[in-house]
Protein backbone atom coordinates (compact mmCIF):
# COMPACT_ATOMS: atom_id res chain seq x y z
CA MET A 1 -11.31 -7.18 -5.63
CA ILE A 2 -7.77 -6.81 -4.32
CA THR A 3 -6.26 -7.63 -0.94
CA VAL A 4 -4.26 -4.86 0.71
CA LYS A 5 -1.83 -5.67 3.52
CA PHE A 6 -0.41 -2.97 5.75
CA PHE A 7 2.81 -3.25 7.71
CA ALA A 8 4.40 -1.33 10.61
CA THR A 9 3.25 2.30 10.90
CA ALA A 10 0.94 1.94 7.87
CA ALA A 11 -1.07 -0.67 9.81
CA ASP A 12 -1.18 1.70 12.78
CA VAL A 13 -2.52 4.53 10.60
CA VAL A 14 -5.34 2.51 9.02
CA GLN A 15 -5.91 0.55 12.25
CA GLN A 16 -5.90 -2.80 10.50
CA ARG A 17 -3.43 -5.14 8.91
CA GLN A 18 -5.49 -6.21 5.92
CA LEU A 19 -8.51 -5.14 3.93
CA GLU A 20 -10.32 -6.06 0.74
CA MET A 21 -10.92 -3.29 -1.81
CA GLU A 22 -12.94 -2.96 -4.97
CA LEU A 23 -10.71 -1.29 -7.53
CA LYS A 24 -11.27 -0.32 -11.13
CA CYS A 25 -8.61 -2.54 -12.70
CA PRO A 26 -6.10 -2.32 -14.07
CA GLN A 27 -4.96 0.60 -11.92
CA SER A 28 -1.50 2.06 -11.59
CA VAL A 29 0.19 1.83 -8.21
CA SER A 30 0.35 5.64 -8.22
CA GLY A 31 -3.41 5.91 -8.79
CA PHE A 32 -4.05 3.28 -6.16
CA LEU A 33 -1.96 5.21 -3.63
CA ASP A 34 -3.96 8.34 -4.44
CA ILE A 35 -7.17 6.46 -3.64
CA LEU A 36 -5.73 4.90 -0.49
CA CYS A 37 -4.46 8.26 0.80
CA SER A 38 -7.84 9.88 0.16
CA GLU A 39 -9.55 7.14 2.19
CA HIS A 40 -6.87 7.14 4.91
CA PRO A 41 -5.37 10.67 5.03
CA GLY A 42 -2.78 9.68 7.63
CA LEU A 43 -1.01 7.62 4.96
CA GLU A 44 -0.12 10.76 2.99
CA LYS A 45 2.82 11.53 5.28
CA LEU A 46 4.21 8.02 4.70
CA ARG A 47 3.74 8.07 0.94
CA PRO A 48 7.14 9.55 -0.06
CA ALA A 49 8.98 6.68 1.63
CA VAL A 50 6.51 3.80 1.37
CA ARG A 51 7.37 0.75 -0.72
CA VAL A 52 4.67 -1.16 -2.54
CA ALA A 53 4.77 -4.84 -3.37
CA VAL A 54 2.30 -6.52 -5.72
CA ASN A 55 2.06 -10.28 -5.37
CA HIS A 56 5.22 -10.33 -3.21
CA GLU A 57 7.38 -8.30 -5.63
CA TYR A 58 8.42 -4.69 -5.10
CA VAL A 59 7.11 -2.48 -7.91
CA GLN A 60 7.41 1.11 -9.10
CA GLU A 61 4.47 3.53 -9.08
CA GLU A 62 3.83 3.04 -12.81
CA ALA A 63 3.26 -0.73 -12.37
CA LEU A 64 -0.31 -1.98 -12.78
CA ILE A 65 -2.53 -3.63 -10.21
CA HIS A 66 -5.03 -6.19 -11.52
CA ASP A 67 -8.13 -7.77 -10.07
CA GLY A 68 -7.17 -10.51 -7.60
CA ASP A 69 -3.75 -9.04 -6.79
CA GLU A 70 -2.32 -8.76 -3.30
CA VAL A 71 -0.81 -5.35 -2.56
CA ALA A 72 1.48 -4.73 0.40
CA ILE A 73 2.09 -1.25 1.81
CA ILE A 74 5.49 -1.24 3.49
CA PRO A 75 6.76 1.91 5.18
CA PRO A 76 10.40 2.33 6.18
CA VAL A 77 11.24 0.49 9.37
CA SER A 78 13.86 1.62 11.84
CA GLY A 79 15.42 -0.21 14.70
CA GLY A 80 18.27 -2.48 15.46
CA ARG A 81 21.31 -1.94 17.58
CA GLY A 82 22.86 1.47 17.85
């Protein structure tokens, strides 16, 4: 079981900030994103720019996710003063 946290527009797309998922572990981040996008098709448009953190550390798509990990889905955020 892993915990998935969604931020900003990713949370809007899946309509929740956190969920628990059963995952065949270990699983690559890339494979995990494939699964996540198939379950939540609206995430596909965010995928090219999304950052993924595993246990509070940004990782590349070839990194592995293990049982018990916390995965954060962090899309780009805009804002600030113009």
